[in-house]
N, C-alpha and C. Protein backbone atom coordinates (compact mmCIF):
# COMPACT_ATOMS: atom_id res chain seq x y z
N UNK A 1 0.82 -1.20 0.00
CA UNK A 1 0.00 0.00 0.00
C UNK A 1 0.86 1.26 0.00
N UNK A 2 1.90 1.22 0.86
CA UNK A 2 2.82 2.35 0.94
C UNK A 2 3.56 2.53 -0.38
N UNK A 3 3.96 1.39 -0.98
CA UNK A 3 4.67 1.44 -2.26
C UNK A 3 3.80 2.05 -3.35
N UNK A 4 2.50 1.69 -3.35
CA UNK A 4 1.58 2.24 -4.35
C UNK A 4 1.39 3.74 -4.15
N UNK A 5 1.28 4.15 -2.90
CA UNK A 5 1.12 5.58 -2.61
C UNK A 5 2.36 6.35 -3.03
N UNK A 6 3.53 5.75 -2.81
CA UNK A 6 4.79 6.40 -3.21
C UNK A 6 4.87 6.51 -4.72
N UNK A 7 4.45 5.46 -5.42
CA UNK A 7 4.47 5.47 -6.88
C UNK A 7 3.53 6.56 -7.42
N UNK A 8 2.37 6.68 -6.80
CA UNK A 8 1.43 7.73 -7.20
C UNK A 8 2.03 9.11 -6.99
N UNK A 9 2.70 9.28 -5.86
CA UNK A 9 3.31 10.57 -5.55
C UNK A 9 4.39 10.93 -6.57
N UNK A 10 5.19 9.94 -6.94
CA UNK A 10 6.25 10.16 -7.94
C UNK A 10 5.65 10.57 -9.28
N UNK A 11 4.62 9.84 -9.70
CA UNK A 11 4.01 10.12 -11.01
C UNK A 11 3.29 11.47 -11.04
N UNK A 12 2.53 11.77 -9.97
CA UNK A 12 1.84 13.06 -9.96
C UNK A 12 2.83 14.22 -9.86
N UNK A 13 3.90 14.02 -9.11
CA UNK A 13 4.94 15.06 -9.03
C UNK A 13 5.60 15.27 -10.38
N UNK A 14 5.85 14.17 -11.09
CA UNK A 14 6.46 14.26 -12.42
C UNK A 14 5.51 14.95 -13.39
N UNK A 15 4.20 14.69 -13.25
CA UNK A 15 3.21 15.33 -14.12
C UNK A 15 3.22 16.85 -13.93
N UNK A 16 3.19 17.27 -12.67
CA UNK A 16 3.20 18.71 -12.37
C UNK A 16 4.51 19.36 -12.81
N UNK A 17 5.63 18.70 -12.46
CA UNK A 17 6.94 19.26 -12.80
C UNK A 17 7.15 19.31 -14.31
N UNK A 18 6.67 18.28 -15.02
CA UNK A 18 6.86 18.24 -16.46
C UNK A 18 6.12 19.35 -17.18
N UNK A 19 4.82 19.46 -16.93
CA UNK A 19 4.04 20.51 -17.59
C UNK A 19 4.45 21.89 -17.08
N UNK A 20 4.80 21.97 -15.80
CA UNK A 20 5.32 23.22 -15.26
C UNK A 20 6.63 23.62 -15.93
N UNK A 21 7.48 22.62 -16.19
CA UNK A 21 8.75 22.88 -16.87
C UNK A 21 8.54 23.41 -18.28
N UNK A 22 7.51 22.89 -18.95
CA UNK A 22 7.17 23.38 -20.29
C UNK A 22 6.80 24.86 -20.21
N UNK A 23 5.97 25.21 -19.23
CA UNK A 23 5.53 26.60 -19.07
C UNK A 23 6.71 27.52 -18.76
N UNK A 24 7.59 27.08 -17.87
CA UNK A 24 8.76 27.88 -17.52
C UNK A 24 9.67 28.08 -18.73
N UNK A 25 9.88 27.02 -19.50
CA UNK A 25 10.73 27.11 -20.69
C UNK A 25 10.16 28.11 -21.69
N UNK A 26 8.83 28.14 -21.81
CA UNK A 26 8.19 29.08 -22.73
C UNK A 26 8.48 30.52 -22.32
N UNK A 27 8.37 30.79 -21.03
CA UNK A 27 8.61 32.16 -20.53
C UNK A 27 10.08 32.53 -20.64
N UNK A 28 10.96 31.64 -20.19
CA UNK A 28 12.40 31.92 -20.18
C UNK A 28 12.94 32.12 -21.59
N UNK A 29 12.57 31.21 -22.51
CA UNK A 29 13.06 31.33 -23.89
C UNK A 29 12.52 32.58 -24.56
N UNK A 30 11.25 32.91 -24.29
CA UNK A 30 10.67 34.11 -24.87
C UNK A 30 11.38 35.36 -24.42
N UNK A 31 11.73 35.43 -23.13
CA UNK A 31 12.43 36.60 -22.59
C UNK A 31 13.87 36.69 -23.12
N UNK A 32 14.47 35.51 -23.38
CA UNK A 32 15.87 35.48 -23.81
C UNK A 32 16.05 35.67 -25.31
N UNK A 33 14.96 35.60 -26.07
CA UNK A 33 15.05 35.68 -27.54
C UNK A 33 14.80 37.11 -28.02
N UNK A 34 15.81 37.76 -28.56
CA UNK A 34 15.65 39.15 -29.01
C UNK A 34 14.58 39.28 -30.10
N UNK A 35 13.70 40.27 -29.97
CA UNK A 35 12.70 40.55 -30.99
C UNK A 35 11.49 39.64 -30.98
N UNK A 36 11.47 38.65 -30.12
CA UNK A 36 10.34 37.72 -30.08
C UNK A 36 9.13 38.40 -29.45
N UNK A 37 7.96 38.26 -30.12
CA UNK A 37 6.73 38.89 -29.63
C UNK A 37 5.76 37.80 -29.17
N UNK A 38 5.66 37.55 -27.86
CA UNK A 38 4.79 36.48 -27.37
C UNK A 38 3.31 36.74 -27.61
N UNK A 39 2.95 37.98 -27.86
CA UNK A 39 1.55 38.29 -28.13
C UNK A 39 1.13 37.76 -29.49
N UNK A 40 2.03 37.83 -30.46
CA UNK A 40 1.70 37.45 -31.83
C UNK A 40 2.29 36.11 -32.25
N UNK A 41 3.46 35.76 -31.76
CA UNK A 41 4.16 34.58 -32.25
C UNK A 41 3.83 33.32 -31.44
N UNK A 42 3.90 32.18 -32.11
CA UNK A 42 3.58 30.90 -31.49
C UNK A 42 4.73 30.39 -30.63
N UNK A 43 4.42 29.47 -29.74
CA UNK A 43 5.43 28.88 -28.87
C UNK A 43 6.49 28.15 -29.68
N UNK A 44 6.07 27.46 -30.73
CA UNK A 44 7.01 26.64 -31.52
C UNK A 44 8.12 27.47 -32.14
N UNK A 45 7.87 28.76 -32.38
CA UNK A 45 8.90 29.62 -32.94
C UNK A 45 10.12 29.72 -32.05
N UNK A 46 9.93 29.49 -30.76
CA UNK A 46 11.05 29.55 -29.80
C UNK A 46 12.01 28.38 -29.97
N UNK A 47 11.55 27.30 -30.60
CA UNK A 47 12.41 26.13 -30.82
C UNK A 47 12.83 26.01 -32.28
N UNK A 48 12.55 27.05 -33.08
CA UNK A 48 12.86 27.01 -34.52
C UNK A 48 14.36 26.94 -34.77
N UNK A 49 14.71 26.58 -35.99
CA UNK A 49 16.13 26.43 -36.36
C UNK A 49 16.92 27.72 -36.22
N UNK A 50 16.24 28.88 -36.35
CA UNK A 50 16.96 30.15 -36.24
C UNK A 50 16.81 30.80 -34.87
N UNK A 51 16.22 30.08 -33.92
CA UNK A 51 16.07 30.63 -32.57
C UNK A 51 17.38 30.47 -31.80
N UNK A 52 17.92 31.55 -31.23
CA UNK A 52 19.23 31.48 -30.57
C UNK A 52 19.26 30.63 -29.29
N UNK A 53 18.11 30.44 -28.68
CA UNK A 53 18.07 29.66 -27.45
C UNK A 53 17.07 28.50 -27.58
N UNK A 54 17.05 27.92 -28.76
CA UNK A 54 16.08 26.86 -29.06
C UNK A 54 16.19 25.68 -28.11
N UNK A 55 17.39 25.38 -27.64
CA UNK A 55 17.58 24.20 -26.80
C UNK A 55 16.74 24.25 -25.53
N UNK A 56 16.50 25.46 -25.02
CA UNK A 56 15.69 25.58 -23.81
C UNK A 56 14.25 25.15 -24.11
N UNK A 57 13.72 25.62 -25.24
CA UNK A 57 12.34 25.30 -25.59
C UNK A 57 12.19 23.84 -25.98
N UNK A 58 13.21 23.28 -26.64
CA UNK A 58 13.18 21.85 -26.97
C UNK A 58 13.11 21.04 -25.69
N UNK A 59 13.92 21.43 -24.72
CA UNK A 59 13.89 20.77 -23.41
C UNK A 59 12.51 20.93 -22.77
N UNK A 60 11.90 22.11 -22.97
CA UNK A 60 10.56 22.34 -22.45
C UNK A 60 9.54 21.40 -23.06
N UNK A 61 9.64 21.17 -24.37
CA UNK A 61 8.73 20.22 -25.02
C UNK A 61 8.90 18.82 -24.42
N UNK A 62 10.14 18.43 -24.17
CA UNK A 62 10.38 17.10 -23.60
C UNK A 62 9.86 17.01 -22.17
N UNK A 63 10.01 18.10 -21.42
CA UNK A 63 9.43 18.15 -20.08
C UNK A 63 7.91 17.98 -20.15
N UNK A 64 7.30 18.71 -21.08
CA UNK A 64 5.86 18.61 -21.24
C UNK A 64 5.41 17.20 -21.59
N UNK A 65 6.19 16.54 -22.43
CA UNK A 65 5.87 15.16 -22.81
C UNK A 65 5.95 14.23 -21.60
N UNK A 66 6.96 14.41 -20.76
CA UNK A 66 7.08 13.59 -19.55
C UNK A 66 5.90 13.86 -18.62
N UNK A 67 5.50 15.13 -18.51
CA UNK A 67 4.37 15.48 -17.66
C UNK A 67 3.09 14.81 -18.12
N UNK A 68 2.83 14.84 -19.42
CA UNK A 68 1.62 14.21 -19.96
C UNK A 68 1.67 12.70 -19.82
N UNK A 69 2.84 12.12 -20.06
CA UNK A 69 3.00 10.68 -19.90
C UNK A 69 2.68 10.26 -18.47
N UNK A 70 3.21 11.00 -17.51
CA UNK A 70 2.98 10.68 -16.10
C UNK A 70 1.50 10.82 -15.74
N UNK A 71 0.87 11.89 -16.24
CA UNK A 71 -0.56 12.09 -15.98
C UNK A 71 -1.38 10.96 -16.57
N UNK A 72 -1.04 10.53 -17.78
CA UNK A 72 -1.75 9.43 -18.41
C UNK A 72 -1.65 8.14 -17.63
N UNK A 73 -0.49 7.87 -17.06
CA UNK A 73 -0.30 6.65 -16.27
C UNK A 73 -1.11 6.70 -14.98
N UNK A 74 -1.17 7.87 -14.35
CA UNK A 74 -1.98 8.02 -13.13
C UNK A 74 -3.46 7.82 -13.46
N UNK A 75 -3.91 8.42 -14.53
CA UNK A 75 -5.32 8.29 -14.92
C UNK A 75 -5.67 6.85 -15.26
N UNK A 76 -4.77 6.14 -15.92
CA UNK A 76 -5.00 4.73 -16.25
C UNK A 76 -5.28 3.91 -14.98
N UNK A 77 -4.57 4.23 -13.93
CA UNK A 77 -4.71 3.48 -12.68
C UNK A 77 -5.96 3.87 -11.90
N UNK A 78 -6.28 5.15 -11.87
CA UNK A 78 -7.31 5.63 -10.96
C UNK A 78 -8.67 5.89 -11.61
N UNK A 79 -8.76 5.83 -12.92
CA UNK A 79 -10.06 6.00 -13.59
C UNK A 79 -10.25 4.78 -14.50
N UNK A 80 -10.44 3.59 -13.90
CA UNK A 80 -10.36 2.33 -14.65
C UNK A 80 -11.64 1.84 -15.31
N UNK A 81 -12.35 2.70 -16.03
CA UNK A 81 -13.43 2.20 -16.89
C UNK A 81 -12.85 2.02 -18.29
N UNK A 82 -13.57 1.29 -19.13
CA UNK A 82 -13.05 1.01 -20.47
C UNK A 82 -12.80 2.30 -21.25
N UNK A 83 -13.79 3.20 -21.26
CA UNK A 83 -13.62 4.44 -22.00
C UNK A 83 -12.50 5.29 -21.44
N UNK A 84 -12.42 5.35 -20.11
CA UNK A 84 -11.37 6.16 -19.48
C UNK A 84 -9.99 5.57 -19.74
N UNK A 85 -9.91 4.24 -19.80
CA UNK A 85 -8.62 3.61 -20.11
C UNK A 85 -8.17 4.00 -21.52
N UNK A 86 -9.12 4.03 -22.46
CA UNK A 86 -8.78 4.48 -23.82
C UNK A 86 -8.32 5.93 -23.77
N UNK A 87 -9.04 6.76 -23.00
CA UNK A 87 -8.65 8.16 -22.87
C UNK A 87 -7.27 8.31 -22.27
N UNK A 88 -6.98 7.52 -21.25
CA UNK A 88 -5.65 7.56 -20.63
C UNK A 88 -4.57 7.16 -21.63
N UNK A 89 -4.89 6.16 -22.44
CA UNK A 89 -3.95 5.74 -23.48
C UNK A 89 -3.68 6.84 -24.49
N UNK A 90 -4.73 7.59 -24.83
CA UNK A 90 -4.55 8.70 -25.76
C UNK A 90 -3.66 9.79 -25.18
N UNK A 91 -3.77 10.01 -23.87
CA UNK A 91 -2.89 10.98 -23.22
C UNK A 91 -1.44 10.52 -23.32
N UNK A 92 -1.20 9.24 -23.12
CA UNK A 92 0.15 8.69 -23.22
C UNK A 92 0.69 8.81 -24.64
N UNK A 93 -0.13 8.48 -25.64
CA UNK A 93 0.30 8.59 -27.04
C UNK A 93 0.56 10.05 -27.40
N UNK A 94 -0.28 10.95 -26.92
CA UNK A 94 -0.09 12.37 -27.22
C UNK A 94 1.24 12.87 -26.63
N UNK A 95 1.63 12.31 -25.49
CA UNK A 95 2.91 12.69 -24.89
C UNK A 95 4.06 12.38 -25.85
N UNK A 96 4.01 11.20 -26.47
CA UNK A 96 5.05 10.83 -27.44
C UNK A 96 5.04 11.77 -28.64
N UNK A 97 3.85 12.14 -29.09
CA UNK A 97 3.73 13.04 -30.24
C UNK A 97 4.26 14.43 -29.92
N UNK A 98 4.03 14.91 -28.71
CA UNK A 98 4.54 16.22 -28.31
C UNK A 98 6.07 16.20 -28.27
N UNK A 99 6.64 15.08 -27.82
CA UNK A 99 8.10 14.95 -27.82
C UNK A 99 8.65 15.03 -29.25
N UNK A 100 7.99 14.31 -30.17
CA UNK A 100 8.41 14.35 -31.58
C UNK A 100 8.28 15.76 -32.14
N UNK A 101 7.17 16.43 -31.81
CA UNK A 101 6.96 17.79 -32.30
C UNK A 101 8.04 18.74 -31.80
N UNK A 102 8.49 18.53 -30.58
CA UNK A 102 9.55 19.39 -30.03
C UNK A 102 10.88 19.18 -30.71
N UNK A 103 11.14 17.96 -31.14
CA UNK A 103 12.42 17.65 -31.80
C UNK A 103 12.38 17.96 -33.30
N UNK A 104 11.18 17.92 -33.89
CA UNK A 104 11.02 18.27 -35.32
C UNK A 104 10.75 19.78 -35.38
N UNK A 105 11.77 20.54 -35.66
CA UNK A 105 11.70 21.99 -35.47
C UNK A 105 11.21 22.74 -36.71
N UNK A 106 10.54 23.85 -36.48
CA UNK A 106 10.18 24.76 -37.55
C UNK A 106 11.44 25.41 -38.11
N UNK A 107 11.35 25.95 -39.33
CA UNK A 107 12.50 26.64 -39.92
C UNK A 107 12.71 27.99 -39.26
N UNK A 108 11.61 28.64 -38.89
CA UNK A 108 11.62 29.96 -38.29
C UNK A 108 10.24 30.18 -37.66
N UNK A 109 10.00 31.35 -37.12
CA UNK A 109 8.72 31.62 -36.48
C UNK A 109 7.62 31.78 -37.53
N UNK A 110 6.74 30.81 -37.64
CA UNK A 110 5.81 30.75 -38.78
C UNK A 110 4.68 31.79 -38.73
N UNK A 111 4.61 32.59 -37.69
CA UNK A 111 3.61 33.66 -37.65
C UNK A 111 4.15 34.97 -38.25
N UNK A 112 5.41 34.95 -38.67
CA UNK A 112 6.02 36.14 -39.28
C UNK A 112 6.02 36.00 -40.80
N UNK A 113 5.61 37.06 -41.49
CA UNK A 113 5.53 37.03 -42.95
C UNK A 113 6.89 36.81 -43.60
N UNK A 114 7.98 37.13 -42.89
CA UNK A 114 9.33 36.96 -43.43
C UNK A 114 9.81 35.51 -43.36
N UNK A 115 9.06 34.66 -42.68
CA UNK A 115 9.46 33.26 -42.51
C UNK A 115 8.93 32.41 -43.66
N UNK A 116 9.74 31.47 -44.15
CA UNK A 116 9.29 30.63 -45.26
C UNK A 116 8.22 29.63 -44.84
N UNK A 117 7.99 29.51 -43.54
CA UNK A 117 6.92 28.64 -43.03
C UNK A 117 5.60 29.39 -42.90
N UNK A 118 5.60 30.66 -43.24
CA UNK A 118 4.39 31.49 -43.10
C UNK A 118 3.34 31.10 -44.14
N UNK A 119 2.06 31.18 -43.74
CA UNK A 119 0.98 30.93 -44.69
C UNK A 119 0.94 29.50 -45.20
N UNK A 120 0.96 29.33 -46.52
CA UNK A 120 0.90 28.00 -47.13
C UNK A 120 2.20 27.22 -46.98
N UNK A 121 3.27 27.90 -46.60
CA UNK A 121 4.56 27.27 -46.33
C UNK A 121 5.02 26.34 -47.45
N UNK A 122 4.94 26.83 -48.68
CA UNK A 122 5.30 25.98 -49.83
C UNK A 122 6.79 25.64 -49.86
N UNK A 123 7.62 26.46 -49.22
CA UNK A 123 9.06 26.21 -49.22
C UNK A 123 9.56 25.65 -47.89
N UNK A 124 8.63 25.27 -47.04
CA UNK A 124 9.01 24.78 -45.72
C UNK A 124 9.70 23.43 -45.81
N UNK A 125 10.52 23.15 -44.80
CA UNK A 125 11.24 21.88 -44.76
C UNK A 125 10.33 20.74 -44.29
N UNK A 126 10.80 19.53 -44.47
CA UNK A 126 10.05 18.36 -44.01
C UNK A 126 9.90 18.39 -42.49
N UNK A 127 10.92 18.88 -41.82
CA UNK A 127 10.87 18.97 -40.36
C UNK A 127 9.69 19.83 -39.91
N UNK A 128 9.44 20.92 -40.63
CA UNK A 128 8.31 21.80 -40.29
C UNK A 128 6.99 21.04 -40.36
N UNK A 129 6.81 20.26 -41.43
CA UNK A 129 5.55 19.55 -41.61
C UNK A 129 5.40 18.42 -40.59
N UNK A 130 6.50 17.79 -40.22
CA UNK A 130 6.43 16.77 -39.17
C UNK A 130 6.00 17.43 -37.86
N UNK A 131 6.56 18.59 -37.58
CA UNK A 131 6.19 19.33 -36.37
C UNK A 131 4.70 19.67 -36.38
N UNK A 132 4.22 20.20 -37.48
CA UNK A 132 2.83 20.62 -37.57
C UNK A 132 1.86 19.45 -37.42
N UNK A 133 2.16 18.37 -38.12
CA UNK A 133 1.24 17.24 -38.13
C UNK A 133 1.24 16.48 -36.81
N UNK A 134 2.42 16.29 -36.21
CA UNK A 134 2.47 15.56 -34.95
C UNK A 134 1.86 16.38 -33.81
N UNK A 135 2.11 17.67 -33.79
CA UNK A 135 1.53 18.50 -32.73
C UNK A 135 0.00 18.56 -32.86
N UNK A 136 -0.49 18.70 -34.10
CA UNK A 136 -1.94 18.75 -34.30
C UNK A 136 -2.59 17.42 -33.89
N UNK A 137 -1.97 16.32 -34.28
CA UNK A 137 -2.50 15.01 -33.92
C UNK A 137 -2.49 14.82 -32.40
N UNK A 138 -1.41 15.26 -31.77
CA UNK A 138 -1.33 15.18 -30.31
C UNK A 138 -2.41 15.99 -29.64
N UNK A 139 -2.66 17.20 -30.16
CA UNK A 139 -3.72 18.05 -29.60
C UNK A 139 -5.09 17.40 -29.74
N UNK A 140 -5.36 16.85 -30.93
CA UNK A 140 -6.65 16.21 -31.17
C UNK A 140 -6.84 15.02 -30.24
N UNK A 141 -5.81 14.23 -30.05
CA UNK A 141 -5.91 13.07 -29.16
C UNK A 141 -6.19 13.49 -27.72
N UNK A 142 -5.56 14.57 -27.28
CA UNK A 142 -5.81 15.07 -25.93
C UNK A 142 -7.27 15.51 -25.78
N UNK A 143 -7.77 16.21 -26.77
CA UNK A 143 -9.16 16.68 -26.71
C UNK A 143 -10.13 15.49 -26.65
N UNK A 144 -9.91 14.50 -27.49
CA UNK A 144 -10.77 13.31 -27.47
C UNK A 144 -10.69 12.62 -26.11
N UNK A 145 -9.49 12.60 -25.54
CA UNK A 145 -9.31 11.92 -24.25
C UNK A 145 -10.14 12.57 -23.15
N UNK A 146 -10.36 13.88 -23.24
CA UNK A 146 -11.13 14.56 -22.18
C UNK A 146 -12.56 14.04 -22.13
N UNK A 147 -13.14 13.79 -23.29
CA UNK A 147 -14.51 13.26 -23.34
C UNK A 147 -14.55 11.81 -22.87
N UNK A 148 -13.53 11.03 -23.24
CA UNK A 148 -13.49 9.63 -22.81
C UNK A 148 -13.22 9.50 -21.31
N UNK A 149 -12.36 10.36 -20.79
CA UNK A 149 -12.07 10.32 -19.35
C UNK A 149 -13.30 10.65 -18.52
N UNK A 150 -14.18 11.45 -19.09
CA UNK A 150 -15.39 11.85 -18.35
C UNK A 150 -16.21 10.64 -17.91
N UNK A 151 -16.22 9.58 -18.73
CA UNK A 151 -17.01 8.40 -18.38
C UNK A 151 -16.51 7.75 -17.11
N UNK A 152 -15.19 7.77 -16.92
CA UNK A 152 -14.62 7.20 -15.70
C UNK A 152 -14.70 8.14 -14.53
N UNK A 153 -14.48 9.43 -14.77
CA UNK A 153 -14.54 10.41 -13.69
C UNK A 153 -15.93 10.50 -13.09
N UNK A 154 -16.95 10.21 -13.90
CA UNK A 154 -18.32 10.25 -13.41
C UNK A 154 -18.56 9.20 -12.33
N UNK A 155 -17.76 8.13 -12.33
CA UNK A 155 -17.96 7.05 -11.37
C UNK A 155 -17.13 7.21 -10.11
N UNK A 156 -16.39 8.29 -10.00
CA UNK A 156 -15.65 8.55 -8.77
C UNK A 156 -16.58 9.23 -7.77
N UNK A 157 -16.07 9.48 -6.56
CA UNK A 157 -16.89 10.16 -5.55
C UNK A 157 -17.02 11.65 -5.83
N UNK A 158 -16.40 12.11 -6.92
CA UNK A 158 -16.53 13.51 -7.34
C UNK A 158 -16.98 13.53 -8.81
N UNK A 159 -18.24 13.17 -9.06
CA UNK A 159 -18.73 13.08 -10.44
C UNK A 159 -18.72 14.40 -11.19
N UNK A 160 -18.62 15.52 -10.45
CA UNK A 160 -18.54 16.83 -11.10
C UNK A 160 -17.32 16.96 -11.99
N UNK A 161 -16.29 16.14 -11.74
CA UNK A 161 -15.08 16.17 -12.57
C UNK A 161 -15.40 15.77 -14.01
N UNK A 162 -16.38 14.90 -14.19
CA UNK A 162 -16.78 14.48 -15.54
C UNK A 162 -17.32 15.67 -16.32
N UNK A 163 -18.14 16.48 -15.66
CA UNK A 163 -18.70 17.67 -16.31
C UNK A 163 -17.60 18.64 -16.68
N UNK A 164 -16.65 18.83 -15.76
CA UNK A 164 -15.52 19.74 -16.03
C UNK A 164 -14.72 19.23 -17.23
N UNK A 165 -14.50 17.92 -17.29
CA UNK A 165 -13.72 17.35 -18.38
C UNK A 165 -14.40 17.60 -19.73
N UNK A 166 -15.72 17.47 -19.76
CA UNK A 166 -16.44 17.73 -21.01
C UNK A 166 -16.38 19.21 -21.38
N UNK A 167 -16.53 20.08 -20.40
CA UNK A 167 -16.47 21.52 -20.66
C UNK A 167 -15.09 21.90 -21.20
N UNK A 168 -14.05 21.34 -20.59
CA UNK A 168 -12.69 21.61 -21.06
C UNK A 168 -12.52 21.10 -22.49
N UNK A 169 -13.08 19.93 -22.77
CA UNK A 169 -13.01 19.39 -24.13
C UNK A 169 -13.67 20.30 -25.14
N UNK A 170 -14.86 20.80 -24.82
CA UNK A 170 -15.57 21.72 -25.73
C UNK A 170 -14.76 23.00 -25.92
N UNK A 171 -14.21 23.53 -24.82
CA UNK A 171 -13.41 24.76 -24.90
C UNK A 171 -12.18 24.56 -25.80
N UNK A 172 -11.58 23.38 -25.72
CA UNK A 172 -10.39 23.09 -26.53
C UNK A 172 -10.75 22.90 -28.01
N UNK A 173 -11.94 22.35 -28.27
CA UNK A 173 -12.40 22.26 -29.67
C UNK A 173 -12.54 23.66 -30.24
N UNK A 174 -13.13 24.58 -29.46
CA UNK A 174 -13.28 25.97 -29.91
C UNK A 174 -11.92 26.63 -30.10
N UNK A 175 -10.98 26.34 -29.19
CA UNK A 175 -9.64 26.91 -29.32
C UNK A 175 -8.92 26.42 -30.55
N UNK A 176 -9.08 25.13 -30.85
CA UNK A 176 -8.47 24.57 -32.06
C UNK A 176 -9.01 25.25 -33.30
N UNK A 177 -10.33 25.46 -33.33
CA UNK A 177 -10.96 26.13 -34.48
C UNK A 177 -10.41 27.53 -34.66
N UNK A 178 -10.24 28.25 -33.55
CA UNK A 178 -9.71 29.61 -33.64
C UNK A 178 -8.29 29.63 -34.19
N UNK A 179 -7.47 28.69 -33.74
CA UNK A 179 -6.07 28.66 -34.17
C UNK A 179 -5.92 28.21 -35.62
N UNK A 180 -6.83 27.34 -36.08
CA UNK A 180 -6.76 26.86 -37.46
C UNK A 180 -7.33 27.88 -38.44
N UNK A 181 -8.51 28.40 -38.11
CA UNK A 181 -9.17 29.37 -39.01
C UNK A 181 -8.50 30.73 -38.93
N UNK A 182 -8.02 31.10 -37.75
CA UNK A 182 -7.36 32.38 -37.49
C UNK A 182 -8.16 33.57 -38.01
N UNK A 183 -9.30 33.88 -37.39
CA UNK A 183 -10.06 35.07 -37.77
C UNK A 183 -9.25 36.33 -37.49
N UNK A 184 -9.63 37.48 -38.09
CA UNK A 184 -8.85 38.72 -37.96
C UNK A 184 -8.48 39.10 -36.53
N UNK A 185 -9.39 38.92 -35.58
CA UNK A 185 -9.10 39.35 -34.21
C UNK A 185 -8.07 38.45 -33.52
N UNK A 186 -7.79 37.28 -34.12
CA UNK A 186 -6.80 36.37 -33.55
C UNK A 186 -5.41 36.63 -34.12
N UNK A 187 -5.33 37.13 -35.35
CA UNK A 187 -4.05 37.27 -36.05
C UNK A 187 -3.00 37.98 -35.20
N UNK A 188 -3.34 39.15 -34.67
CA UNK A 188 -2.36 39.91 -33.89
C UNK A 188 -2.26 39.45 -32.45
N UNK A 189 -3.07 38.49 -32.08
CA UNK A 189 -3.04 37.96 -30.70
C UNK A 189 -2.88 36.43 -30.71
N UNK A 190 -2.30 35.92 -31.78
CA UNK A 190 -2.18 34.47 -31.95
C UNK A 190 -1.42 33.84 -30.79
N UNK A 191 -0.33 34.46 -30.39
CA UNK A 191 0.48 33.91 -29.31
C UNK A 191 -0.29 33.81 -28.01
N UNK A 192 -1.10 34.81 -27.71
CA UNK A 192 -1.89 34.80 -26.47
C UNK A 192 -2.93 33.69 -26.52
N UNK A 193 -3.66 33.62 -27.64
CA UNK A 193 -4.69 32.59 -27.79
C UNK A 193 -4.07 31.19 -27.69
N UNK A 194 -2.94 31.01 -28.36
CA UNK A 194 -2.31 29.69 -28.33
C UNK A 194 -1.83 29.32 -26.93
N UNK A 195 -1.29 30.27 -26.21
CA UNK A 195 -0.80 29.99 -24.86
C UNK A 195 -1.94 29.61 -23.92
N UNK A 196 -3.05 30.30 -24.03
CA UNK A 196 -4.21 29.95 -23.21
C UNK A 196 -4.71 28.55 -23.57
N UNK A 197 -4.76 28.27 -24.86
CA UNK A 197 -5.21 26.96 -25.36
C UNK A 197 -4.31 25.85 -24.83
N UNK A 198 -3.00 26.02 -24.96
CA UNK A 198 -2.05 24.99 -24.54
C UNK A 198 -2.07 24.82 -23.01
N UNK A 199 -2.25 25.93 -22.29
CA UNK A 199 -2.31 25.84 -20.83
C UNK A 199 -3.46 24.95 -20.39
N UNK A 200 -4.61 25.11 -21.03
CA UNK A 200 -5.77 24.27 -20.69
C UNK A 200 -5.56 22.85 -21.19
N UNK A 201 -5.06 22.72 -22.40
CA UNK A 201 -4.89 21.40 -23.02
C UNK A 201 -3.90 20.52 -22.24
N UNK A 202 -2.78 21.09 -21.82
CA UNK A 202 -1.79 20.34 -21.07
C UNK A 202 -2.14 20.29 -19.58
N UNK A 203 -2.82 21.32 -19.11
CA UNK A 203 -3.09 21.40 -17.68
C UNK A 203 -4.18 20.46 -17.19
N UNK A 204 -5.22 20.24 -18.03
CA UNK A 204 -6.32 19.42 -17.53
C UNK A 204 -5.93 17.97 -17.25
N UNK A 205 -5.19 17.28 -18.10
CA UNK A 205 -4.81 15.90 -17.75
C UNK A 205 -4.07 15.83 -16.41
N UNK A 206 -3.22 16.82 -16.15
CA UNK A 206 -2.48 16.84 -14.89
C UNK A 206 -3.43 17.08 -13.72
N UNK A 207 -4.32 18.07 -13.87
CA UNK A 207 -5.28 18.37 -12.80
C UNK A 207 -6.19 17.17 -12.56
N UNK A 208 -6.67 16.55 -13.63
CA UNK A 208 -7.55 15.38 -13.49
C UNK A 208 -6.83 14.23 -12.80
N UNK A 209 -5.56 14.03 -13.15
CA UNK A 209 -4.77 12.96 -12.52
C UNK A 209 -4.61 13.22 -11.03
N UNK A 210 -4.30 14.45 -10.67
CA UNK A 210 -4.14 14.79 -9.25
C UNK A 210 -5.43 14.55 -8.48
N UNK A 211 -6.54 15.03 -9.02
CA UNK A 211 -7.82 14.89 -8.31
C UNK A 211 -8.30 13.45 -8.27
N UNK A 212 -8.13 12.72 -9.36
CA UNK A 212 -8.56 11.33 -9.38
C UNK A 212 -7.76 10.48 -8.40
N UNK A 213 -6.47 10.73 -8.30
CA UNK A 213 -5.63 9.96 -7.37
C UNK A 213 -6.00 10.27 -5.93
N UNK A 214 -6.34 11.50 -5.64
CA UNK A 214 -6.74 11.87 -4.27
C UNK A 214 -8.10 11.28 -3.91
N UNK A 215 -9.01 11.27 -4.89
CA UNK A 215 -10.33 10.69 -4.64
C UNK A 215 -10.19 9.20 -4.32
N UNK A 216 -9.34 8.50 -5.06
CA UNK A 216 -9.14 7.07 -4.82
C UNK A 216 -8.49 6.83 -3.46
N UNK A 217 -7.51 7.68 -3.12
CA UNK A 217 -6.80 7.51 -1.86
C UNK A 217 -7.72 7.73 -0.66
N UNK A 218 -8.68 8.66 -0.81
CA UNK A 218 -9.55 8.99 0.31
C UNK A 218 -10.87 8.21 0.27
N UNK A 219 -11.07 7.46 -0.88
CA UNK A 219 -12.34 6.76 -1.04
C UNK A 219 -12.39 5.44 -0.28
């Protein structure tokens, strides 16, 4: 029993530290990169091939992947319905995709018109497209997982978590639409919208894992 509690503590701590490390890397790299505009530019631009401190952001992506992996493992254990297990598995797979996205770097900051990755990105490298496709797939898997996890969270002693998970899922669907369609009011605030989106997308699996593990421990 003690060993299981210790294992839970290690995994939940890794989940918090991992996603927290991603957030810290985003702030630190943004402050250290001359001319970078966090209001308009995307997070991935900080890890681009022409970014002077890209290694920090790459490390941040790997931290984020470890955080999501740890959260997925906790959820697998503490929300053990069939649908929730599938959702937990999607969180784990998304962690691997986020790691790949961090290592497959953009050529430059793709929100800048001077970058060859801007717009249709017809001259972009293969690495750019791997980054785009793996990150998008990872995001979609996380969103789907929120709805699947709700089925298991509903059976805990805190069924309200299921409702929160669905609300977060709907909010992330709306966020994805905004980032893909990029209406005029988002263009000059793309970085802000993306940061809010990623904070919720990466944060909810960790929060759900923490709450689910505590509910099980006290149940």
